[in-house]
N, C-alpha and C. Protein backbone atom coordinates (compact mmCIF):
# COMPACT_ATOMS: atom_id res chain seq x y z
N MET A 1 0.84 -1.18 0.00
CA MET A 1 0.00 0.00 0.00
C MET A 1 0.88 1.24 0.00
N LYS A 2 0.41 2.27 -0.68
CA LYS A 2 1.14 3.52 -0.75
C LYS A 2 0.42 4.55 0.11
N ALA A 3 1.13 5.19 1.02
CA ALA A 3 0.54 6.20 1.89
C ALA A 3 0.29 7.48 1.10
N THR A 4 -0.84 8.13 1.36
CA THR A 4 -1.16 9.38 0.67
C THR A 4 -0.92 10.59 1.57
N GLY A 5 -0.86 10.38 2.86
CA GLY A 5 -0.70 11.49 3.79
C GLY A 5 -2.01 12.18 4.11
N ILE A 6 -3.10 11.67 3.58
CA ILE A 6 -4.42 12.25 3.81
C ILE A 6 -5.12 11.45 4.91
N VAL A 7 -5.68 12.14 5.89
CA VAL A 7 -6.38 11.47 6.98
C VAL A 7 -7.81 11.94 7.01
N ARG A 8 -8.73 11.00 7.15
CA ARG A 8 -10.16 11.33 7.24
C ARG A 8 -10.74 10.59 8.44
N ARG A 9 -11.73 11.21 9.09
CA ARG A 9 -12.41 10.59 10.22
C ARG A 9 -13.70 9.91 9.74
N ILE A 10 -14.09 8.87 10.43
CA ILE A 10 -15.35 8.19 10.16
C ILE A 10 -16.45 8.93 10.92
N ASP A 11 -17.57 9.21 10.24
CA ASP A 11 -18.65 9.93 10.90
C ASP A 11 -19.51 8.96 11.72
N ASP A 12 -20.54 9.48 12.38
CA ASP A 12 -21.36 8.66 13.27
C ASP A 12 -22.17 7.60 12.53
N LEU A 13 -22.27 7.69 11.20
CA LEU A 13 -22.96 6.65 10.43
C LEU A 13 -21.98 5.64 9.82
N GLY A 14 -20.70 5.78 10.16
CA GLY A 14 -19.69 4.84 9.66
C GLY A 14 -19.16 5.20 8.28
N ARG A 15 -19.40 6.41 7.82
CA ARG A 15 -18.97 6.83 6.49
C ARG A 15 -17.62 7.53 6.56
N VAL A 16 -16.90 7.43 5.46
CA VAL A 16 -15.65 8.16 5.30
C VAL A 16 -15.64 8.75 3.90
N VAL A 17 -15.17 9.97 3.78
CA VAL A 17 -15.12 10.65 2.49
C VAL A 17 -13.78 10.36 1.82
N ILE A 18 -13.86 9.90 0.58
CA ILE A 18 -12.64 9.71 -0.21
C ILE A 18 -12.34 11.04 -0.87
N PRO A 19 -11.16 11.61 -0.62
CA PRO A 19 -10.84 12.94 -1.14
C PRO A 19 -10.97 13.04 -2.67
N LYS A 20 -11.35 14.22 -3.10
CA LYS A 20 -11.58 14.48 -4.53
C LYS A 20 -10.35 14.16 -5.37
N GLU A 21 -9.16 14.49 -4.89
CA GLU A 21 -7.93 14.23 -5.64
C GLU A 21 -7.76 12.74 -5.91
N ILE A 22 -8.06 11.93 -4.91
CA ILE A 22 -7.93 10.47 -5.08
C ILE A 22 -9.03 9.95 -6.00
N ARG A 23 -10.25 10.46 -5.83
CA ARG A 23 -11.34 10.03 -6.73
C ARG A 23 -11.01 10.37 -8.17
N ARG A 24 -10.47 11.55 -8.41
CA ARG A 24 -10.12 11.96 -9.77
C ARG A 24 -9.00 11.07 -10.32
N THR A 25 -7.96 10.87 -9.55
CA THR A 25 -6.82 10.06 -9.98
C THR A 25 -7.23 8.62 -10.26
N MET A 26 -8.07 8.07 -9.41
CA MET A 26 -8.49 6.67 -9.55
C MET A 26 -9.74 6.51 -10.42
N ARG A 27 -10.23 7.62 -10.95
CA ARG A 27 -11.41 7.63 -11.82
C ARG A 27 -12.64 7.03 -11.13
N ILE A 28 -12.82 7.42 -9.88
CA ILE A 28 -13.98 6.96 -9.11
C ILE A 28 -15.06 8.04 -9.21
N ARG A 29 -16.22 7.65 -9.72
CA ARG A 29 -17.32 8.58 -9.89
C ARG A 29 -18.44 8.27 -8.91
N GLU A 30 -19.31 9.22 -8.72
CA GLU A 30 -20.46 9.01 -7.84
C GLU A 30 -21.25 7.80 -8.35
N GLY A 31 -21.58 6.90 -7.45
CA GLY A 31 -22.35 5.72 -7.81
C GLY A 31 -21.49 4.51 -8.18
N ASP A 32 -20.17 4.70 -8.35
CA ASP A 32 -19.31 3.56 -8.69
C ASP A 32 -19.26 2.58 -7.51
N PRO A 33 -19.37 1.29 -7.80
CA PRO A 33 -19.25 0.31 -6.72
C PRO A 33 -17.78 0.12 -6.32
N LEU A 34 -17.56 -0.02 -5.03
CA LEU A 34 -16.22 -0.27 -4.51
C LEU A 34 -16.24 -1.57 -3.72
N GLU A 35 -15.19 -2.38 -3.91
CA GLU A 35 -15.05 -3.59 -3.13
C GLU A 35 -14.15 -3.27 -1.94
N ILE A 36 -14.45 -3.87 -0.79
CA ILE A 36 -13.67 -3.59 0.41
C ILE A 36 -12.88 -4.84 0.80
N TYR A 37 -11.58 -4.65 0.95
CA TYR A 37 -10.68 -5.74 1.35
C TYR A 37 -10.00 -5.35 2.66
N THR A 38 -9.56 -6.33 3.38
CA THR A 38 -8.72 -6.08 4.55
C THR A 38 -7.44 -6.88 4.40
N ASP A 39 -6.37 -6.37 4.99
CA ASP A 39 -5.12 -7.12 4.94
C ASP A 39 -4.73 -7.57 6.34
N ARG A 40 -3.70 -8.35 6.42
CA ARG A 40 -3.29 -8.94 7.72
C ARG A 40 -2.81 -7.90 8.72
N GLU A 41 -2.34 -6.76 8.21
CA GLU A 41 -1.81 -5.72 9.10
C GLU A 41 -2.90 -4.78 9.61
N GLY A 42 -4.16 -5.08 9.30
CA GLY A 42 -5.26 -4.26 9.77
C GLY A 42 -5.64 -3.14 8.81
N GLY A 43 -5.11 -3.18 7.61
CA GLY A 43 -5.44 -2.17 6.61
C GLY A 43 -6.77 -2.45 5.94
N VAL A 44 -7.42 -1.40 5.52
CA VAL A 44 -8.67 -1.51 4.77
C VAL A 44 -8.38 -0.97 3.37
N ILE A 45 -8.74 -1.73 2.36
CA ILE A 45 -8.44 -1.37 0.98
C ILE A 45 -9.74 -1.29 0.20
N PHE A 46 -9.95 -0.16 -0.48
CA PHE A 46 -11.08 0.01 -1.37
C PHE A 46 -10.58 -0.19 -2.79
N LYS A 47 -11.28 -1.02 -3.55
CA LYS A 47 -10.91 -1.26 -4.93
C LYS A 47 -12.15 -1.10 -5.79
N LYS A 48 -11.99 -0.41 -6.93
CA LYS A 48 -13.13 -0.27 -7.83
C LYS A 48 -13.58 -1.65 -8.27
N TYR A 49 -14.87 -1.86 -8.20
CA TYR A 49 -15.44 -3.13 -8.61
C TYR A 49 -15.89 -3.04 -10.05
N SER A 50 -15.48 -4.00 -10.85
CA SER A 50 -15.87 -4.05 -12.26
C SER A 50 -16.57 -5.36 -12.52
N PRO A 51 -17.89 -5.34 -12.71
CA PRO A 51 -18.59 -6.59 -12.99
C PRO A 51 -18.13 -7.24 -14.29
N VAL A 52 -17.76 -6.44 -15.28
CA VAL A 52 -17.29 -7.00 -16.55
C VAL A 52 -15.97 -7.72 -16.35
N ASN A 53 -15.13 -7.19 -15.48
CA ASN A 53 -13.83 -7.82 -15.21
C ASN A 53 -13.99 -9.21 -14.62
N GLU A 54 -15.13 -9.47 -13.99
CA GLU A 54 -15.41 -10.80 -13.45
C GLU A 54 -15.49 -11.84 -14.56
N LEU A 55 -15.77 -11.38 -15.78
CA LEU A 55 -15.87 -12.29 -16.92
C LEU A 55 -14.51 -12.62 -17.52
N GLY A 56 -13.45 -11.95 -17.08
CA GLY A 56 -12.08 -12.12 -17.52
C GLY A 56 -11.80 -13.09 -18.64
N ASP A 57 -11.65 -14.39 -18.32
CA ASP A 57 -11.30 -15.41 -19.31
C ASP A 57 -12.38 -15.55 -20.36
N PHE A 58 -13.62 -15.44 -19.95
CA PHE A 58 -14.73 -15.56 -20.89
C PHE A 58 -14.69 -14.42 -21.91
N ALA A 59 -14.43 -13.20 -21.43
CA ALA A 59 -14.34 -12.04 -22.32
C ALA A 59 -13.17 -12.21 -23.29
N LEU A 60 -12.07 -12.76 -22.81
CA LEU A 60 -10.91 -13.01 -23.67
C LEU A 60 -11.26 -14.01 -24.78
N GLN A 61 -11.94 -15.09 -24.42
CA GLN A 61 -12.34 -16.09 -25.41
C GLN A 61 -13.29 -15.48 -26.43
N TYR A 62 -14.21 -14.64 -25.97
CA TYR A 62 -15.15 -14.01 -26.89
C TYR A 62 -14.41 -13.06 -27.83
N ALA A 63 -13.46 -12.28 -27.30
CA ALA A 63 -12.68 -11.36 -28.12
C ALA A 63 -11.90 -12.14 -29.19
N GLU A 64 -11.30 -13.26 -28.80
CA GLU A 64 -10.55 -14.07 -29.76
C GLU A 64 -11.46 -14.62 -30.85
N THR A 65 -12.64 -15.08 -30.48
CA THR A 65 -13.59 -15.59 -31.46
C THR A 65 -14.04 -14.49 -32.41
N LEU A 66 -14.32 -13.34 -31.88
CA LEU A 66 -14.75 -12.20 -32.69
C LEU A 66 -13.63 -11.78 -33.66
N PHE A 67 -12.39 -11.81 -33.19
CA PHE A 67 -11.25 -11.48 -34.05
C PHE A 67 -11.11 -12.49 -35.19
N LYS A 68 -11.22 -13.77 -34.86
CA LYS A 68 -11.10 -14.81 -35.88
C LYS A 68 -12.24 -14.74 -36.90
N THR A 69 -13.41 -14.36 -36.44
CA THR A 69 -14.57 -14.26 -37.32
C THR A 69 -14.49 -13.05 -38.24
N SER A 70 -14.11 -11.91 -37.68
CA SER A 70 -14.15 -10.66 -38.44
C SER A 70 -12.83 -10.30 -39.12
N GLY A 71 -11.72 -10.74 -38.53
CA GLY A 71 -10.42 -10.35 -39.04
C GLY A 71 -9.95 -9.01 -38.48
N TYR A 72 -10.78 -8.36 -37.70
CA TYR A 72 -10.41 -7.08 -37.08
C TYR A 72 -9.95 -7.31 -35.65
N PRO A 73 -8.91 -6.57 -35.20
CA PRO A 73 -8.53 -6.65 -33.79
C PRO A 73 -9.69 -6.20 -32.91
N VAL A 74 -9.79 -6.82 -31.74
CA VAL A 74 -10.93 -6.57 -30.84
C VAL A 74 -10.41 -6.31 -29.44
N CYS A 75 -11.10 -5.42 -28.74
CA CYS A 75 -10.86 -5.29 -27.30
C CYS A 75 -12.20 -5.15 -26.59
N ILE A 76 -12.22 -5.62 -25.37
CA ILE A 76 -13.40 -5.50 -24.53
C ILE A 76 -12.97 -4.69 -23.31
N THR A 77 -13.79 -3.68 -22.98
CA THR A 77 -13.43 -2.79 -21.88
C THR A 77 -14.48 -2.86 -20.77
N ASP A 78 -14.06 -2.46 -19.58
CA ASP A 78 -15.05 -2.12 -18.56
C ASP A 78 -15.16 -0.60 -18.63
N LYS A 79 -15.66 0.07 -17.64
CA LYS A 79 -15.84 1.51 -17.73
C LYS A 79 -14.52 2.27 -17.72
N ASP A 80 -13.47 1.64 -17.24
CA ASP A 80 -12.21 2.35 -17.05
C ASP A 80 -11.03 1.85 -17.87
N SER A 81 -10.97 0.54 -18.13
CA SER A 81 -9.78 0.01 -18.78
C SER A 81 -10.12 -1.18 -19.68
N ILE A 82 -9.13 -1.59 -20.44
CA ILE A 82 -9.30 -2.71 -21.36
C ILE A 82 -9.06 -4.01 -20.59
N ILE A 83 -10.04 -4.93 -20.66
CA ILE A 83 -9.94 -6.17 -19.88
C ILE A 83 -9.64 -7.39 -20.74
N ALA A 84 -9.77 -7.27 -22.07
CA ALA A 84 -9.48 -8.39 -22.97
C ALA A 84 -9.13 -7.85 -24.35
N THR A 85 -8.15 -8.48 -25.00
CA THR A 85 -7.78 -8.07 -26.36
C THR A 85 -7.54 -9.31 -27.20
N ALA A 86 -7.70 -9.14 -28.51
CA ALA A 86 -7.37 -10.20 -29.46
C ALA A 86 -6.96 -9.53 -30.77
N GLY A 87 -5.92 -10.05 -31.39
CA GLY A 87 -5.44 -9.50 -32.65
C GLY A 87 -4.41 -8.41 -32.49
N VAL A 88 -4.08 -8.05 -31.26
CA VAL A 88 -3.03 -7.07 -30.97
C VAL A 88 -2.19 -7.62 -29.82
N ALA A 89 -0.98 -7.10 -29.69
CA ALA A 89 -0.13 -7.54 -28.58
C ALA A 89 -0.78 -7.14 -27.26
N LYS A 90 -0.89 -8.09 -26.36
CA LYS A 90 -1.56 -7.86 -25.07
C LYS A 90 -0.92 -6.69 -24.32
N LYS A 91 0.40 -6.58 -24.40
CA LYS A 91 1.10 -5.53 -23.66
C LYS A 91 0.75 -4.12 -24.16
N ASP A 92 0.30 -4.03 -25.42
CA ASP A 92 -0.03 -2.72 -25.98
C ASP A 92 -1.32 -2.14 -25.41
N LEU A 93 -2.30 -2.98 -25.13
CA LEU A 93 -3.61 -2.47 -24.72
C LEU A 93 -4.14 -3.00 -23.40
N TYR A 94 -3.82 -4.23 -23.04
CA TYR A 94 -4.42 -4.85 -21.85
C TYR A 94 -4.17 -4.01 -20.60
N ASP A 95 -5.23 -3.76 -19.86
CA ASP A 95 -5.21 -3.05 -18.58
C ASP A 95 -4.89 -1.56 -18.72
N LYS A 96 -4.89 -1.05 -19.93
CA LYS A 96 -4.66 0.38 -20.15
C LYS A 96 -6.00 1.11 -19.99
N PRO A 97 -5.96 2.35 -19.49
CA PRO A 97 -7.21 3.10 -19.33
C PRO A 97 -7.81 3.47 -20.69
N VAL A 98 -9.12 3.46 -20.77
CA VAL A 98 -9.80 3.87 -22.01
C VAL A 98 -9.65 5.37 -22.19
N SER A 99 -9.72 5.82 -23.43
CA SER A 99 -9.58 7.24 -23.73
C SER A 99 -10.83 8.00 -23.27
N SER A 100 -10.68 9.30 -23.14
CA SER A 100 -11.83 10.12 -22.73
C SER A 100 -12.93 10.07 -23.80
N GLU A 101 -12.53 9.91 -25.08
CA GLU A 101 -13.53 9.80 -26.15
C GLU A 101 -14.34 8.52 -25.99
N MET A 102 -13.67 7.42 -25.59
CA MET A 102 -14.38 6.16 -25.36
C MET A 102 -15.34 6.31 -24.17
N GLU A 103 -14.92 7.02 -23.14
CA GLU A 103 -15.80 7.26 -22.00
C GLU A 103 -17.05 8.02 -22.43
N LYS A 104 -16.88 9.02 -23.30
CA LYS A 104 -18.02 9.80 -23.78
C LYS A 104 -18.98 8.91 -24.57
N LEU A 105 -18.43 8.00 -25.39
CA LEU A 105 -19.29 7.09 -26.14
C LEU A 105 -20.08 6.19 -25.20
N MET A 106 -19.46 5.76 -24.10
CA MET A 106 -20.17 4.92 -23.12
C MET A 106 -21.34 5.68 -22.52
N GLU A 107 -21.12 6.96 -22.23
CA GLU A 107 -22.19 7.78 -21.65
C GLU A 107 -23.39 7.88 -22.58
N GLU A 108 -23.14 7.86 -23.89
CA GLU A 108 -24.23 7.97 -24.86
C GLU A 108 -25.07 6.69 -24.98
N LYS A 109 -24.52 5.57 -24.55
CA LYS A 109 -25.22 4.28 -24.52
C LYS A 109 -25.72 3.82 -25.89
N THR A 110 -25.04 4.20 -26.96
CA THR A 110 -25.43 3.75 -28.29
C THR A 110 -24.21 3.21 -29.03
N ALA A 111 -24.46 2.28 -29.94
CA ALA A 111 -23.38 1.74 -30.77
C ALA A 111 -22.91 2.83 -31.72
N PHE A 112 -21.66 2.75 -32.11
CA PHE A 112 -21.04 3.80 -32.90
C PHE A 112 -20.15 3.20 -33.97
N VAL A 113 -20.27 3.68 -35.21
CA VAL A 113 -19.38 3.29 -36.30
C VAL A 113 -18.59 4.52 -36.69
N CYS A 114 -17.26 4.43 -36.63
CA CYS A 114 -16.42 5.58 -36.97
C CYS A 114 -16.41 5.80 -38.47
N SER A 115 -16.49 7.04 -38.86
CA SER A 115 -16.41 7.39 -40.28
C SER A 115 -14.95 7.68 -40.63
N GLU A 116 -14.70 7.91 -41.92
CA GLU A 116 -13.33 8.15 -42.37
C GLU A 116 -12.71 9.38 -41.72
N ASN A 117 -13.52 10.40 -41.50
CA ASN A 117 -12.97 11.64 -40.95
C ASN A 117 -13.06 11.73 -39.43
N LYS A 118 -13.51 10.68 -38.78
CA LYS A 118 -13.66 10.68 -37.31
C LYS A 118 -12.82 9.55 -36.72
N THR A 119 -11.91 9.90 -35.85
CA THR A 119 -11.13 8.88 -35.17
C THR A 119 -11.42 8.91 -33.68
N VAL A 120 -11.52 7.72 -33.12
CA VAL A 120 -11.72 7.59 -31.69
C VAL A 120 -10.61 6.69 -31.17
N PRO A 121 -9.64 7.27 -30.43
CA PRO A 121 -8.59 6.43 -29.86
C PRO A 121 -9.17 5.51 -28.80
N VAL A 122 -8.65 4.29 -28.75
CA VAL A 122 -9.12 3.34 -27.76
C VAL A 122 -8.54 3.70 -26.39
N THR A 123 -7.25 4.01 -26.39
CA THR A 123 -6.58 4.49 -25.18
C THR A 123 -5.81 5.75 -25.53
N GLU A 124 -5.36 6.45 -24.53
CA GLU A 124 -4.52 7.63 -24.77
C GLU A 124 -3.12 7.13 -25.18
N HIS A 125 -2.47 7.85 -26.05
CA HIS A 125 -1.08 7.60 -26.45
C HIS A 125 -0.87 6.27 -27.15
N TYR A 126 -1.87 5.77 -27.86
CA TYR A 126 -1.70 4.55 -28.66
C TYR A 126 -2.44 4.76 -29.96
N GLU A 127 -1.69 5.02 -31.02
CA GLU A 127 -2.32 5.37 -32.28
C GLU A 127 -2.26 4.27 -33.33
N LYS A 128 -1.70 3.12 -33.00
CA LYS A 128 -1.61 2.07 -34.01
C LYS A 128 -3.00 1.62 -34.45
N TYR A 129 -3.92 1.51 -33.51
CA TYR A 129 -5.30 1.15 -33.82
C TYR A 129 -6.23 2.17 -33.21
N THR A 130 -7.31 2.45 -33.94
CA THR A 130 -8.37 3.30 -33.40
C THR A 130 -9.67 2.50 -33.46
N ALA A 131 -10.68 2.99 -32.79
CA ALA A 131 -11.97 2.29 -32.78
C ALA A 131 -12.60 2.38 -34.17
N GLY A 132 -13.14 1.25 -34.62
CA GLY A 132 -13.89 1.23 -35.87
C GLY A 132 -15.37 1.12 -35.55
N VAL A 133 -15.67 0.19 -34.65
CA VAL A 133 -17.04 -0.01 -34.17
C VAL A 133 -16.98 -0.11 -32.65
N VAL A 134 -17.87 0.59 -31.99
CA VAL A 134 -17.96 0.55 -30.53
C VAL A 134 -19.39 0.20 -30.17
N SER A 135 -19.57 -0.86 -29.38
CA SER A 135 -20.90 -1.26 -28.94
C SER A 135 -20.90 -1.37 -27.42
N PRO A 136 -21.76 -0.62 -26.74
CA PRO A 136 -21.77 -0.64 -25.28
C PRO A 136 -22.35 -1.93 -24.70
N ILE A 137 -21.78 -2.34 -23.59
CA ILE A 137 -22.31 -3.48 -22.83
C ILE A 137 -23.24 -2.88 -21.78
N ILE A 138 -24.54 -3.08 -21.96
CA ILE A 138 -25.54 -2.47 -21.08
C ILE A 138 -26.31 -3.56 -20.34
N SER A 139 -26.29 -3.48 -19.02
CA SER A 139 -27.03 -4.42 -18.18
C SER A 139 -27.83 -3.63 -17.16
N ASP A 140 -29.11 -3.92 -17.07
CA ASP A 140 -30.01 -3.21 -16.15
C ASP A 140 -29.95 -1.70 -16.33
N GLY A 141 -29.78 -1.25 -17.57
CA GLY A 141 -29.76 0.18 -17.87
C GLY A 141 -28.43 0.87 -17.64
N ASP A 142 -27.45 0.15 -17.08
CA ASP A 142 -26.14 0.74 -16.81
C ASP A 142 -25.13 0.26 -17.83
N VAL A 143 -24.29 1.18 -18.30
CA VAL A 143 -23.20 0.80 -19.20
C VAL A 143 -22.08 0.24 -18.35
N LEU A 144 -21.65 -0.98 -18.68
CA LEU A 144 -20.59 -1.63 -17.93
C LEU A 144 -19.27 -1.62 -18.67
N GLY A 145 -19.31 -1.34 -19.98
CA GLY A 145 -18.10 -1.36 -20.79
C GLY A 145 -18.46 -1.32 -22.26
N ASN A 146 -17.50 -1.69 -23.11
CA ASN A 146 -17.69 -1.68 -24.56
C ASN A 146 -17.06 -2.90 -25.20
N VAL A 147 -17.60 -3.28 -26.35
CA VAL A 147 -16.94 -4.20 -27.26
C VAL A 147 -16.47 -3.31 -28.40
N VAL A 148 -15.17 -3.36 -28.71
CA VAL A 148 -14.59 -2.48 -29.72
C VAL A 148 -13.89 -3.30 -30.79
N MET A 149 -14.29 -3.07 -32.03
CA MET A 149 -13.57 -3.64 -33.17
C MET A 149 -12.70 -2.51 -33.70
N MET A 150 -11.41 -2.76 -33.84
CA MET A 150 -10.47 -1.70 -34.16
C MET A 150 -10.01 -1.76 -35.62
N ARG A 151 -9.49 -0.63 -36.06
CA ARG A 151 -8.93 -0.55 -37.40
C ARG A 151 -7.56 0.12 -37.32
N SER A 152 -6.68 -0.28 -38.24
CA SER A 152 -5.34 0.30 -38.26
C SER A 152 -5.22 1.39 -39.31
N ASP A 153 -6.20 1.48 -40.18
CA ASP A 153 -6.18 2.45 -41.27
C ASP A 153 -7.45 3.29 -41.22
N GLN A 154 -7.29 4.60 -41.26
CA GLN A 154 -8.43 5.50 -41.21
C GLN A 154 -9.41 5.25 -42.35
N ASN A 155 -8.91 4.76 -43.46
CA ASN A 155 -9.75 4.56 -44.64
C ASN A 155 -10.51 3.23 -44.62
N GLU A 156 -10.19 2.38 -43.65
CA GLU A 156 -10.93 1.12 -43.52
C GLU A 156 -12.37 1.44 -43.15
N LYS A 157 -13.29 0.90 -43.91
CA LYS A 157 -14.71 1.15 -43.62
C LYS A 157 -15.29 -0.03 -42.86
N MET A 158 -15.89 0.26 -41.75
CA MET A 158 -16.63 -0.73 -41.01
C MET A 158 -18.06 -0.72 -41.53
N THR A 159 -18.64 -1.89 -41.65
CA THR A 159 -19.98 -2.00 -42.22
C THR A 159 -20.99 -2.43 -41.16
N ASP A 160 -22.21 -2.63 -41.60
CA ASP A 160 -23.26 -3.12 -40.70
C ASP A 160 -22.92 -4.51 -40.16
N VAL A 161 -22.15 -5.28 -40.92
CA VAL A 161 -21.78 -6.63 -40.47
C VAL A 161 -20.95 -6.52 -39.19
N GLU A 162 -19.94 -5.65 -39.19
CA GLU A 162 -19.11 -5.48 -37.99
C GLU A 162 -19.92 -4.90 -36.84
N LEU A 163 -20.81 -3.97 -37.17
CA LEU A 163 -21.67 -3.39 -36.13
C LEU A 163 -22.55 -4.47 -35.50
N LYS A 164 -23.11 -5.33 -36.30
CA LYS A 164 -23.97 -6.39 -35.77
C LYS A 164 -23.17 -7.41 -34.97
N LEU A 165 -21.95 -7.73 -35.42
CA LEU A 165 -21.10 -8.66 -34.66
C LEU A 165 -20.77 -8.07 -33.28
N ALA A 166 -20.37 -6.80 -33.26
CA ALA A 166 -20.02 -6.15 -31.99
C ALA A 166 -21.26 -6.02 -31.10
N SER A 167 -22.39 -5.69 -31.69
CA SER A 167 -23.62 -5.55 -30.91
C SER A 167 -24.05 -6.89 -30.31
N ALA A 168 -23.93 -7.95 -31.10
CA ALA A 168 -24.27 -9.28 -30.59
C ALA A 168 -23.35 -9.65 -29.43
N ALA A 169 -22.07 -9.33 -29.58
CA ALA A 169 -21.11 -9.63 -28.51
C ALA A 169 -21.44 -8.85 -27.25
N SER A 170 -21.75 -7.56 -27.39
CA SER A 170 -22.03 -6.76 -26.20
C SER A 170 -23.33 -7.21 -25.53
N MET A 171 -24.34 -7.58 -26.32
CA MET A 171 -25.59 -8.07 -25.73
C MET A 171 -25.37 -9.40 -25.01
N PHE A 172 -24.56 -10.27 -25.61
CA PHE A 172 -24.29 -11.56 -24.99
C PHE A 172 -23.53 -11.37 -23.68
N LEU A 173 -22.52 -10.51 -23.66
CA LEU A 173 -21.78 -10.25 -22.43
C LEU A 173 -22.68 -9.63 -21.37
N ALA A 174 -23.59 -8.76 -21.78
CA ALA A 174 -24.54 -8.15 -20.83
C ALA A 174 -25.42 -9.23 -20.21
N LYS A 175 -25.87 -10.18 -21.01
CA LYS A 175 -26.69 -11.29 -20.48
C LYS A 175 -25.92 -12.13 -19.48
N GLN A 176 -24.62 -12.30 -19.73
CA GLN A 176 -23.79 -13.06 -18.79
C GLN A 176 -23.69 -12.36 -17.44
N MET A 177 -23.79 -11.04 -17.45
CA MET A 177 -23.72 -10.27 -16.21
C MET A 177 -24.99 -10.50 -15.37
N GLU A 178 -26.09 -10.81 -16.04
CA GLU A 178 -27.36 -10.98 -15.34
C GLU A 178 -27.49 -12.36 -14.73
N ILE A 179 -26.68 -13.31 -15.20
CA ILE A 179 -26.78 -14.70 -14.71
C ILE A 179 -26.17 -14.83 -13.34
């Protein structure tokens, strides 16, 4: 654990405020679920909970299948980072934070096909691939992440076929969250 030097008191209802600087740095937003852990030394650890991340291996297998079917590199994200990739080196994208543009697309809760003149980076500082098709994973009205089919060339056109593949994947992953 890394000390922050920030001290907060617990109120009479057992609540503690997580400072704004830490929430911003850790990308914790109002309503985000947090998992609580304890360690042997008596420490309490809050970790952002990602229901999509619980699918880990399953999401990876689905990404690999989608890549083999479409020929396009694929990544699956939760709200904050990439949790599965196929068709690209894992070290390039896995566990990297999603770009602010991807976050905005998640907020819109609609599938998106990038046009030739519109680029959406999947993560910050990685330009080898950009999003071609983005389909949100929505469960119980909440966006949990995205299924992204990527392109390496701005002139590559994604069609309704890729949109339907990504949409089917995101709907299937959303159903797995409900089970």
